[in-house]
Amino acid sequence: LWGGLPQIDQTWLVHKHGFAFESHSDVALVYGPAGPYVVSVFLFRSGWMDWETSNGTMKNISRIIWNFFNFYQQQTGVAPGAPLELEPPPGYIPLGQFVPAQ
């Protein structure tokens, strides 16, 4: 989904993609022109889902959604506000500090 954004390196985004033989998916929280939004895309093709098809489709969907919110912001003047600040949940242990139970 990040591939469809106009300025990838300047856009606040967190996402998780998934792949299997017949399906590709991506879920993202994007800080867009009118504020944060969530987008979720799940694609399926019987037999095999190829990367070119799924990647191109997800880019197009992401670009269309971004353009909608950009148009909305221009028409309404809605200010997006400050970007989100996410904190780790209580008890979070960074991967480099994790020690498995013995």
PDB file of N, CA and C in Angstrom:
ATOM      1  N   LEU A   1       0.823  -1.197   0.000  1.00  0.00           N
ATOM      2  CA  LEU A   1       0.000   0.000   0.000  1.00  0.00           C
ATOM      3  C   LEU A   1       0.863   1.254   0.000  1.00  0.00           C
ATOM      4  N   TRP A   2       2.019   1.195   0.641  1.00  0.00           N
ATOM      5  CA  TRP A   2       2.865   2.383   0.699  1.00  0.00           C
ATOM      6  C   TRP A   2       3.342   2.800  -0.683  1.00  0.00           C
ATOM      7  N   GLY A   3       3.409   1.881  -1.627  1.00  0.00           N
ATOM      8  CA  GLY A   3       3.870   2.206  -2.974  1.00  0.00           C
ATOM      9  C   GLY A   3       2.955   3.151  -3.727  1.00  0.00           C
ATOM     10  N   GLY A   4       1.701   3.281  -3.306  1.00  0.00           N
ATOM     11  CA  GLY A   4       0.769   4.181  -3.972  1.00  0.00           C
ATOM     12  C   GLY A   4       0.735   5.573  -3.382  1.00  0.00           C
ATOM     13  N   LEU A   5       1.513   5.814  -2.332  1.00  0.00           N
ATOM     14  CA  LEU A   5       1.528   7.130  -1.701  1.00  0.00           C
ATOM     15  C   LEU A   5       2.442   8.075  -2.474  1.00  0.00           C
ATOM     16  N   PRO A   6       2.102   9.377  -2.536  1.00  0.00           N
ATOM     17  CA  PRO A   6       2.870  10.306  -3.372  1.00  0.00           C
ATOM     18  C   PRO A   6       4.294  10.557  -2.883  1.00  0.00           C
ATOM     19  N   GLN A   7       4.516  10.634  -1.586  1.00  0.00           N
ATOM     20  CA  GLN A   7       5.850  10.875  -1.032  1.00  0.00           C
ATOM     21  C   GLN A   7       6.105   9.836   0.053  1.00  0.00           C
ATOM     22  N   ILE A   8       6.547   8.673  -0.375  1.00  0.00           N
ATOM     23  CA  ILE A   8       6.682   7.530   0.522  1.00  0.00           C
ATOM     24  C   ILE A   8       7.562   7.854   1.727  1.00  0.00           C
ATOM     25  N   ASP A   9       8.681   8.518   1.491  1.00  0.00           N
ATOM     26  CA  ASP A   9       9.627   8.782   2.578  1.00  0.00           C
ATOM     27  C   ASP A   9       9.186   9.909   3.503  1.00  0.00           C
ATOM     28  N   GLN A  10       8.091  10.606   3.164  1.00  0.00           N
ATOM     29  CA  GLN A  10       7.612  11.708   4.001  1.00  0.00           C
ATOM     30  C   GLN A  10       6.199  11.455   4.536  1.00  0.00           C
ATOM     31  N   THR A  11       5.714  10.245   4.414  1.00  0.00           N
ATOM     32  CA  THR A  11       4.362   9.907   4.858  1.00  0.00           C
ATOM     33  C   THR A  11       4.432   8.959   6.045  1.00  0.00           C
ATOM     34  N   TRP A  12       3.705   9.290   7.107  1.00  0.00           N
ATOM     35  CA  TRP A  12       3.643   8.456   8.311  1.00  0.00           C
ATOM     36  C   TRP A  12       2.758   7.260   7.995  1.00  0.00           C
ATOM     37  N   LEU A  13       3.300   6.062   8.175  1.00  0.00           N
ATOM     38  CA  LEU A  13       2.582   4.847   7.802  1.00  0.00           C
ATOM     39  C   LEU A  13       3.078   3.670   8.636  1.00  0.00           C
ATOM     40  N   VAL A  14       2.149   2.853   9.092  1.00  0.00           N
ATOM     41  CA  VAL A  14       2.498   1.543   9.646  1.00  0.00           C
ATOM     42  C   VAL A  14       1.635   0.525   8.900  1.00  0.00           C
ATOM     43  N   HIS A  15       2.249  -0.600   8.527  1.00  0.00           N
ATOM     44  CA  HIS A  15       1.467  -1.583   7.770  1.00  0.00           C
ATOM     45  C   HIS A  15       1.981  -2.988   8.018  1.00  0.00           C
ATOM     46  N   LYS A  16       1.153  -3.938   7.673  1.00  0.00           N
ATOM     47  CA  LYS A  16       1.500  -5.353   7.758  1.00  0.00           C
ATOM     48  C   LYS A  16       0.931  -6.046   6.535  1.00  0.00           C
ATOM     49  N   HIS A  17       1.817  -6.704   5.801  1.00  0.00           N
ATOM     50  CA  HIS A  17       1.341  -7.438   4.628  1.00  0.00           C
ATOM     51  C   HIS A  17       1.382  -8.939   4.902  1.00  0.00           C
ATOM     52  N   GLY A  18       0.651  -9.668   4.088  1.00  0.00           N
ATOM     53  CA  GLY A  18       0.613 -11.115   4.203  1.00  0.00           C
ATOM     54  C   GLY A  18       0.587 -11.754   2.823  1.00  0.00           C
ATOM     55  N   PHE A  19       1.215 -12.912   2.709  1.00  0.00           N
ATOM     56  CA  PHE A  19       1.294 -13.598   1.427  1.00  0.00           C
ATOM     57  C   PHE A  19       1.036 -15.088   1.614  1.00  0.00           C
ATOM     58  N   ALA A  20       0.313 -15.665   0.686  1.00  0.00           N
ATOM     59  CA  ALA A  20       0.127 -17.107   0.584  1.00  0.00           C
ATOM     60  C   ALA A  20       0.024 -17.405  -0.911  1.00  0.00           C
ATOM     61  N   PHE A  21      -0.084 -18.647  -1.280  1.00  0.00           N
ATOM     62  CA  PHE A  21      -0.092 -19.005  -2.695  1.00  0.00           C
ATOM     63  C   PHE A  21      -1.184 -18.290  -3.484  1.00  0.00           C
ATOM     64  N   GLU A  22      -2.393 -18.261  -2.945  1.00  0.00           N
ATOM     65  CA  GLU A  22      -3.539 -17.721  -3.678  1.00  0.00           C
ATOM     66  C   GLU A  22      -3.970 -16.340  -3.207  1.00  0.00           C
ATOM     67  N   SER A  23      -3.345 -15.808  -2.183  1.00  0.00           N
ATOM     68  CA  SER A  23      -3.816 -14.526  -1.656  1.00  0.00           C
ATOM     69  C   SER A  23      -2.665 -13.646  -1.183  1.00  0.00           C
ATOM     70  N   HIS A  24      -2.858 -12.357  -1.353  1.00  0.00           N
ATOM     71  CA  HIS A  24      -1.951 -11.336  -0.833  1.00  0.00           C
ATOM     72  C   HIS A  24      -2.812 -10.313  -0.110  1.00  0.00           C
ATOM     73  N   SER A  25      -2.266  -9.738   0.953  1.00  0.00           N
ATOM     74  CA  SER A  25      -3.027  -8.750   1.710  1.00  0.00           C
ATOM     75  C   SER A  25      -2.094  -7.694   2.281  1.00  0.00           C
ATOM     76  N   ASP A  26      -2.664  -6.565   2.623  1.00  0.00           N
ATOM     77  CA  ASP A  26      -1.934  -5.504   3.308  1.00  0.00           C
ATOM     78  C   ASP A  26      -2.944  -4.678   4.091  1.00  0.00           C
ATOM     79  N   VAL A  27      -2.594  -4.345   5.312  1.00  0.00           N
ATOM     80  CA  VAL A  27      -3.409  -3.498   6.178  1.00  0.00           C
ATOM     81  C   VAL A  27      -2.507  -2.361   6.623  1.00  0.00           C
ATOM     82  N   ALA A  28      -3.001  -1.122   6.532  1.00  0.00           N
ATOM     83  CA  ALA A  28      -2.155   0.024   6.872  1.00  0.00           C
ATOM     84  C   ALA A  28      -2.927   1.092   7.627  1.00  0.00           C
ATOM     85  N   LEU A  29      -2.212   1.766   8.510  1.00  0.00           N
ATOM     86  CA  LEU A  29      -2.668   2.985   9.155  1.00  0.00           C
ATOM     87  C   LEU A  29      -1.825   4.087   8.536  1.00  0.00           C
ATOM     88  N   VAL A  30      -2.483   5.002   7.837  1.00  0.00           N
ATOM     89  CA  VAL A  30      -1.799   6.050   7.076  1.00  0.00           C
ATOM     90  C   VAL A  30      -2.180   7.405   7.648  1.00  0.00           C
ATOM     91  N   TYR A  31      -1.195   8.275   7.810  1.00  0.00           N
ATOM     92  CA  TYR A  31      -1.486   9.648   8.208  1.00  0.00           C
ATOM     93  C   TYR A  31      -1.611  10.451   6.917  1.00  0.00           C
ATOM     94  N   GLY A  32      -2.846  10.667   6.472  1.00  0.00           N
ATOM     95  CA  GLY A  32      -3.120  11.289   5.182  1.00  0.00           C
ATOM     96  C   GLY A  32      -3.336  12.788   5.245  1.00  0.00           C
ATOM     97  N   PRO A  33      -3.705  13.379   4.117  1.00  0.00           N
ATOM     98  CA  PRO A  33      -3.886  14.827   4.013  1.00  0.00           C
ATOM     99  C   PRO A  33      -4.963  15.385   4.942  1.00  0.00           C
ATOM    100  N   ALA A  34      -5.981  14.589   5.274  1.00  0.00           N
ATOM    101  CA  ALA A  34      -7.066  15.055   6.144  1.00  0.00           C
ATOM    102  C   ALA A  34      -7.010  14.397   7.517  1.00  0.00           C
ATOM    103  N   GLY A  35      -5.928  13.681   7.808  1.00  0.00           N
ATOM    104  CA  GLY A  35      -5.782  12.988   9.079  1.00  0.00           C
ATOM    105  C   GLY A  35      -5.564  11.500   8.866  1.00  0.00           C
ATOM    106  N   PRO A  36      -5.521  10.726   9.938  1.00  0.00           N
ATOM    107  CA  PRO A  36      -5.239   9.298   9.810  1.00  0.00           C
ATOM    108  C   PRO A  36      -6.424   8.517   9.248  1.00  0.00           C
ATOM    109  N   TYR A  37      -6.094   7.468   8.490  1.00  0.00           N
ATOM    110  CA  TYR A  37      -7.116   6.549   7.993  1.00  0.00           C
ATOM    111  C   TYR A  37      -6.532   5.142   7.935  1.00  0.00           C
ATOM    112  N   VAL A  38      -7.416   4.164   7.932  1.00  0.00           N
ATOM    113  CA  VAL A  38      -7.023   2.756   7.856  1.00  0.00           C
ATOM    114  C   VAL A  38      -7.491   2.204   6.522  1.00  0.00           C
ATOM    115  N   VAL A  39      -6.631   1.435   5.880  1.00  0.00           N
ATOM    116  CA  VAL A  39      -7.003   0.769   4.635  1.00  0.00           C
ATOM    117  C   VAL A  39      -6.574  -0.696   4.745  1.00  0.00           C
ATOM    118  N   SER A  40      -7.424  -1.574   4.258  1.00  0.00           N
ATOM    119  CA  SER A  40      -7.171  -3.003   4.314  1.00  0.00           C
ATOM    120  C   SER A  40      -7.546  -3.611   2.966  1.00  0.00           C
ATOM    121  N   VAL A  41      -6.606  -4.323   2.358  1.00  0.00           N
ATOM    122  CA  VAL A  41      -6.843  -4.917   1.041  1.00  0.00           C
ATOM    123  C   VAL A  41      -6.482  -6.400   1.099  1.00  0.00           C
ATOM    124  N   PHE A  42      -7.402  -7.237   0.656  1.00  0.00           N
ATOM    125  CA  PHE A  42      -7.179  -8.677   0.570  1.00  0.00           C
ATOM    126  C   PHE A  42      -7.491  -9.102  -0.861  1.00  0.00           C
ATOM    127  N   LEU A  43      -6.523  -9.712  -1.531  1.00  0.00           N
ATOM    128  CA  LEU A  43      -6.697 -10.141  -2.920  1.00  0.00           C
ATOM    129  C   LEU A  43      -6.569 -11.658  -3.011  1.00  0.00           C
ATOM    130  N   PHE A  44      -7.391 -12.266  -3.871  1.00  0.00           N
ATOM    131  CA  PHE A  44      -7.389 -13.715  -4.040  1.00  0.00           C
ATOM    132  C   PHE A  44      -7.446 -14.048  -5.521  1.00  0.00           C
ATOM    133  N   ARG A  45      -6.663 -15.021  -5.927  1.00  0.00           N
ATOM    134  CA  ARG A  45      -6.733 -15.582  -7.276  1.00  0.00           C
ATOM    135  C   ARG A  45      -6.539 -17.088  -7.140  1.00  0.00           C
ATOM    136  N   SER A  46      -7.489 -17.836  -7.630  1.00  0.00           N
ATOM    137  CA  SER A  46      -7.426 -19.292  -7.541  1.00  0.00           C
ATOM    138  C   SER A  46      -6.169 -19.808  -8.235  1.00  0.00           C
ATOM    139  N   GLY A  47      -5.436 -20.658  -7.565  1.00  0.00           N
ATOM    140  CA  GLY A  47      -4.234 -21.250  -8.136  1.00  0.00           C
ATOM    141  C   GLY A  47      -2.969 -20.540  -7.696  1.00  0.00           C
ATOM    142  N   TRP A  48      -2.843 -19.251  -8.043  1.00  0.00           N
ATOM    143  CA  TRP A  48      -1.631 -18.501  -7.709  1.00  0.00           C
ATOM    144  C   TRP A  48      -1.884 -17.010  -7.869  1.00  0.00           C
ATOM    145  N   MET A  49      -1.532 -16.232  -6.867  1.00  0.00           N
ATOM    146  CA  MET A  49      -1.608 -14.772  -6.956  1.00  0.00           C
ATOM    147  C   MET A  49      -0.189 -14.277  -7.210  1.00  0.00           C
ATOM    148  N   ASP A  50       0.029 -13.631  -8.357  1.00  0.00           N
ATOM    149  CA  ASP A  50       1.375 -13.165  -8.679  1.00  0.00           C
ATOM    150  C   ASP A  50       1.627 -11.766  -8.108  1.00  0.00           C
ATOM    151  N   TRP A  51       2.896 -11.498  -7.815  1.00  0.00           N
ATOM    152  CA  TRP A  51       3.310 -10.253  -7.172  1.00  0.00           C
ATOM    153  C   TRP A  51       2.979  -9.033  -8.026  1.00  0.00           C
ATOM    154  N   GLU A  52       3.220  -9.088  -9.321  1.00  0.00           N
ATOM    155  CA  GLU A  52       2.968  -7.922 -10.182  1.00  0.00           C
ATOM    156  C   GLU A  52       1.502  -7.500 -10.138  1.00  0.00           C
ATOM    157  N   THR A  53       0.599  -8.458 -10.191  1.00  0.00           N
ATOM    158  CA  THR A  53      -0.833  -8.146 -10.143  1.00  0.00           C
ATOM    159  C   THR A  53      -1.219  -7.553  -8.794  1.00  0.00           C
ATOM    160  N   SER A  54      -0.824  -8.222  -7.709  1.00  0.00           N
ATOM    161  CA  SER A  54      -1.241  -7.742  -6.385  1.00  0.00           C
ATOM    162  C   SER A  54      -0.581  -6.416  -6.039  1.00  0.00           C
ATOM    163  N   ASN A  55       0.705  -6.262  -6.325  1.00  0.00           N
ATOM    164  CA  ASN A  55       1.400  -5.025  -5.999  1.00  0.00           C
ATOM    165  C   ASN A  55       0.815  -3.848  -6.774  1.00  0.00           C
ATOM    166  N   GLY A  56       0.580  -4.029  -8.062  1.00  0.00           N
ATOM    167  CA  GLY A  56      -0.010  -2.966  -8.874  1.00  0.00           C
ATOM    168  C   GLY A  56      -1.409  -2.596  -8.411  1.00  0.00           C
ATOM    169  N   THR A  57      -2.207  -3.603  -8.074  1.00  0.00           N
ATOM    170  CA  THR A  57      -3.571  -3.354  -7.602  1.00  0.00           C
ATOM    171  C   THR A  57      -3.557  -2.595  -6.281  1.00  0.00           C
ATOM    172  N   MET A  58      -2.694  -3.023  -5.352  1.00  0.00           N
ATOM    173  CA  MET A  58      -2.628  -2.344  -4.055  1.00  0.00           C
ATOM    174  C   MET A  58      -2.122  -0.910  -4.196  1.00  0.00           C
ATOM    175  N   LYS A  59      -1.153  -0.693  -5.073  1.00  0.00           N
ATOM    176  CA  LYS A  59      -0.672   0.677  -5.318  1.00  0.00           C
ATOM    177  C   LYS A  59      -1.805   1.556  -5.831  1.00  0.00           C
ATOM    178  N   ASN A  60      -2.571   1.040  -6.789  1.00  0.00           N
ATOM    179  CA  ASN A  60      -3.677   1.824  -7.356  1.00  0.00           C
ATOM    180  C   ASN A  60      -4.742   2.133  -6.308  1.00  0.00           C
ATOM    181  N   ILE A  61      -5.106   1.148  -5.507  1.00  0.00           N
ATOM    182  CA  ILE A  61      -6.102   1.369  -4.457  1.00  0.00           C
ATOM    183  C   ILE A  61      -5.607   2.422  -3.478  1.00  0.00           C
ATOM    184  N   SER A  62      -4.361   2.304  -3.062  1.00  0.00           N
ATOM    185  CA  SER A  62      -3.787   3.254  -2.111  1.00  0.00           C
ATOM    186  C   SER A  62      -3.759   4.668  -2.691  1.00  0.00           C
ATOM    187  N   ARG A  63      -3.354   4.785  -3.955  1.00  0.00           N
ATOM    188  CA  ARG A  63      -3.300   6.100  -4.610  1.00  0.00           C
ATOM    189  C   ARG A  63      -4.691   6.724  -4.704  1.00  0.00           C
ATOM    190  N   ILE A  64      -5.702   5.935  -5.054  1.00  0.00           N
ATOM    191  CA  ILE A  64      -7.075   6.441  -5.164  1.00  0.00           C
ATOM    192  C   ILE A  64      -7.569   6.946  -3.808  1.00  0.00           C
ATOM    193  N   ILE A  65      -7.299   6.188  -2.746  1.00  0.00           N
ATOM    194  CA  ILE A  65      -7.730   6.609  -1.408  1.00  0.00           C
ATOM    195  C   ILE A  65      -7.014   7.889  -0.995  1.00  0.00           C
ATOM    196  N   TRP A  66      -5.695   7.954  -1.207  1.00  0.00           N
ATOM    197  CA  TRP A  66      -4.936   9.170  -0.872  1.00  0.00           C
ATOM    198  C   TRP A  66      -5.505  10.366  -1.628  1.00  0.00           C
ATOM    199  N   ASN A  67      -5.743  10.189  -2.925  1.00  0.00           N
ATOM    200  CA  ASN A  67      -6.266  11.294  -3.737  1.00  0.00           C
ATOM    201  C   ASN A  67      -7.647  11.743  -3.262  1.00  0.00           C
ATOM    202  N   PHE A  68      -8.476  10.803  -2.808  1.00  0.00           N
ATOM    203  CA  PHE A  68      -9.783  11.175  -2.266  1.00  0.00           C
ATOM    204  C   PHE A  68      -9.617  12.079  -1.050  1.00  0.00           C
ATOM    205  N   PHE A  69      -8.783  11.665  -0.097  1.00  0.00           N
ATOM    206  CA  PHE A  69      -8.596  12.469   1.115  1.00  0.00           C
ATOM    207  C   PHE A  69      -7.884  13.789   0.819  1.00  0.00           C
ATOM    208  N   ASN A  70      -7.011  13.793  -0.165  1.00  0.00           N
ATOM    209  CA  ASN A  70      -6.366  15.041  -0.574  1.00  0.00           C
ATOM    210  C   ASN A  70      -7.408  16.007  -1.146  1.00  0.00           C
ATOM    211  N   PHE A  71      -8.292  15.509  -2.011  1.00  0.00           N
ATOM    212  CA  PHE A  71      -9.375  16.325  -2.571  1.00  0.00           C
ATOM    213  C   PHE A  71     -10.302  16.811  -1.463  1.00  0.00           C
ATOM    214  N   TYR A  72     -10.654  15.919  -0.540  1.00  0.00           N
ATOM    215  CA  TYR A  72     -11.520  16.269   0.588  1.00  0.00           C
ATOM    216  C   TYR A  72     -10.895  17.394   1.412  1.00  0.00           C
ATOM    217  N   GLN A  73      -9.608  17.276   1.692  1.00  0.00           N
ATOM    218  CA  GLN A  73      -8.921  18.295   2.484  1.00  0.00           C
ATOM    219  C   GLN A  73      -8.922  19.634   1.755  1.00  0.00           C
ATOM    220  N   GLN A  74      -8.688  19.622   0.452  1.00  0.00           N
ATOM    221  CA  GLN A  74      -8.681  20.863  -0.330  1.00  0.00           C
ATOM    222  C   GLN A  74     -10.062  21.507  -0.363  1.00  0.00           C
ATOM    223  N   GLN A  75     -11.106  20.698  -0.437  1.00  0.00           N
ATOM    224  CA  GLN A  75     -12.468  21.222  -0.515  1.00  0.00           C
ATOM    225  C   GLN A  75     -12.985  21.732   0.828  1.00  0.00           C
ATOM    226  N   THR A  76     -12.602  21.084   1.901  1.00  0.00           N
ATOM    227  CA  THR A  76     -13.153  21.425   3.213  1.00  0.00           C
ATOM    228  C   THR A  76     -12.214  22.253   4.077  1.00  0.00           C
ATOM    229  N   GLY A  77     -10.925  22.211   3.777  1.00  0.00           N
ATOM    230  CA  GLY A  77      -9.948  22.918   4.595  1.00  0.00           C
ATOM    231  C   GLY A  77      -9.669  22.242   5.920  1.00  0.00           C
ATOM    232  N   VAL A  78     -10.081  20.985   6.063  1.00  0.00           N
ATOM    233  CA  VAL A  78      -9.854  20.240   7.298  1.00  0.00           C
ATOM    234  C   VAL A  78      -8.351  20.114   7.538  1.00  0.00           C
ATOM    235  N   ALA A  79      -7.910  20.531   8.722  1.00  0.00           N
ATOM    236  CA  ALA A  79      -6.502  20.393   9.082  1.00  0.00           C
ATOM    237  C   ALA A  79      -6.273  19.013   9.689  1.00  0.00           C
ATOM    238  N   PRO A  80      -5.237  18.311   9.260  1.00  0.00           N
ATOM    239  CA  PRO A  80      -5.025  16.952   9.747  1.00  0.00           C
ATOM    240  C   PRO A  80      -4.582  16.851  11.199  1.00  0.00           C
ATOM    241  N   GLY A  81      -4.057  17.896  11.780  1.00  0.00           N
ATOM    242  CA  GLY A  81      -3.577  17.812  13.159  1.00  0.00           C
ATOM    243  C   GLY A  81      -2.208  17.164  13.228  1.00  0.00           C
ATOM    244  N   ALA A  82      -1.739  16.959  14.431  1.00  0.00           N
ATOM    245  CA  ALA A  82      -0.410  16.379  14.639  1.00  0.00           C
ATOM    246  C   ALA A  82      -0.422  14.881  14.350  1.00  0.00           C
ATOM    247  N   PRO A  83       0.696  14.355  13.827  1.00  0.00           N
ATOM    248  CA  PRO A  83       0.777  12.909  13.603  1.00  0.00           C
ATOM    249  C   PRO A  83       0.614  12.135  14.902  1.00  0.00           C
ATOM    250  N   LEU A  84       0.164  10.911  14.770  1.00  0.00           N
ATOM    251  CA  LEU A  84      -0.030  10.045  15.930  1.00  0.00           C
ATOM    252  C   LEU A  84       1.307   9.687  16.571  1.00  0.00           C
ATOM    253  N   GLU A  85       1.295   9.535  17.875  1.00  0.00           N
ATOM    254  CA  GLU A  85       2.458   9.037  18.602  1.00  0.00           C
ATOM    255  C   GLU A  85       2.052   7.729  19.259  1.00  0.00           C
ATOM    256  N   LEU A  86       2.631   6.652  18.779  1.00  0.00           N
ATOM    257  CA  LEU A  86       2.281   5.333  19.293  1.00  0.00           C
ATOM    258  C   LEU A  86       3.283   4.902  20.352  1.00  0.00           C
ATOM    259  N   GLU A  87       2.787   4.321  21.409  1.00  0.00           N
ATOM    260  CA  GLU A  87       3.619   3.817  22.498  1.00  0.00           C
ATOM    261  C   GLU A  87       3.515   2.291  22.529  1.00  0.00           C
ATOM    262  N   PRO A  88       4.608   1.614  22.877  1.00  0.00           N
ATOM    263  CA  PRO A  88       4.519   0.155  23.028  1.00  0.00           C
ATOM    264  C   PRO A  88       3.549  -0.203  24.152  1.00  0.00           C
ATOM    265  N   PRO A  89       2.920  -1.355  24.065  1.00  0.00           N
ATOM    266  CA  PRO A  89       1.997  -1.774  25.129  1.00  0.00           C
ATOM    267  C   PRO A  89       2.763  -2.102  26.410  1.00  0.00           C
ATOM    268  N   PRO A  90       2.073  -2.101  27.551  1.00  0.00           N
ATOM    269  CA  PRO A  90       2.726  -2.469  28.810  1.00  0.00           C
ATOM    270  C   PRO A  90       3.336  -3.869  28.706  1.00  0.00           C
ATOM    271  N   GLY A  91       4.528  -4.020  29.227  1.00  0.00           N
ATOM    272  CA  GLY A  91       5.192  -5.318  29.198  1.00  0.00           C
ATOM    273  C   GLY A  91       5.936  -5.614  27.907  1.00  0.00           C
ATOM    274  N   TYR A  92       5.963  -4.680  26.971  1.00  0.00           N
ATOM    275  CA  TYR A  92       6.649  -4.888  25.693  1.00  0.00           C
ATOM    276  C   TYR A  92       8.148  -5.051  25.920  1.00  0.00           C
ATOM    277  N   ILE A  93       8.738  -6.034  25.272  1.00  0.00           N
ATOM    278  CA  ILE A  93      10.178  -6.261  25.349  1.00  0.00           C
ATOM    279  C   ILE A  93      10.731  -6.193  23.929  1.00  0.00           C
ATOM    280  N   PRO A  94      11.656  -5.267  23.644  1.00  0.00           N
ATOM    281  CA  PRO A  94      12.251  -5.202  22.305  1.00  0.00           C
ATOM    282  C   PRO A  94      12.893  -6.539  21.936  1.00  0.00           C
ATOM    283  N   LEU A  95      12.847  -6.877  20.668  1.00  0.00           N
ATOM    284  CA  LEU A  95      13.321  -8.172  20.195  1.00  0.00           C
ATOM    285  C   LEU A  95      14.755  -8.452  20.637  1.00  0.00           C
ATOM    286  N   GLY A  96      15.626  -7.440  20.568  1.00  0.00           N
ATOM    287  CA  GLY A  96      17.026  -7.632  20.943  1.00  0.00           C
ATOM    288  C   GLY A  96      17.224  -7.918  22.421  1.00  0.00           C
ATOM    289  N   GLN A  97      16.215  -7.651  23.251  1.00  0.00           N
ATOM    290  CA  GLN A  97      16.322  -7.874  24.694  1.00  0.00           C
ATOM    291  C   GLN A  97      15.514  -9.089  25.155  1.00  0.00           C
ATOM    292  N   PHE A  98      14.835  -9.746  24.219  1.00  0.00           N
ATOM    293  CA  PHE A  98      13.982 -10.881  24.574  1.00  0.00           C
ATOM    294  C   PHE A  98      14.833 -12.103  24.897  1.00  0.00           C
ATOM    295  N   VAL A  99      14.539 -12.751  26.008  1.00  0.00           N
ATOM    296  CA  VAL A  99      15.216 -13.988  26.394  1.00  0.00           C
ATOM    297  C   VAL A  99      14.135 -15.057  26.557  1.00  0.00           C
ATOM    298  N   PRO A 100      14.186 -16.121  25.739  1.00  0.00           N
ATOM    299  CA  PRO A 100      13.168 -17.175  25.855  1.00  0.00           C
ATOM    300  C   PRO A 100      13.202 -17.850  27.227  1.00  0.00           C
ATOM    301  N   ALA A 101      12.053 -18.325  27.664  1.00  0.00           N
ATOM    302  CA  ALA A 101      11.971 -19.057  28.935  1.00  0.00           C
ATOM    303  C   ALA A 101      12.752 -20.352  28.814  1.00  0.00           C
ATOM    304  N   GLN A 102      13.413 -20.735  29.868  1.00  0.00           N
ATOM    305  CA  GLN A 102      14.239 -21.954  29.862  1.00  0.00           C
ATOM    306  C   GLN A 102      13.443 -23.154  30.296  1.00  0.00           C
TER     307      GLN A 102
END
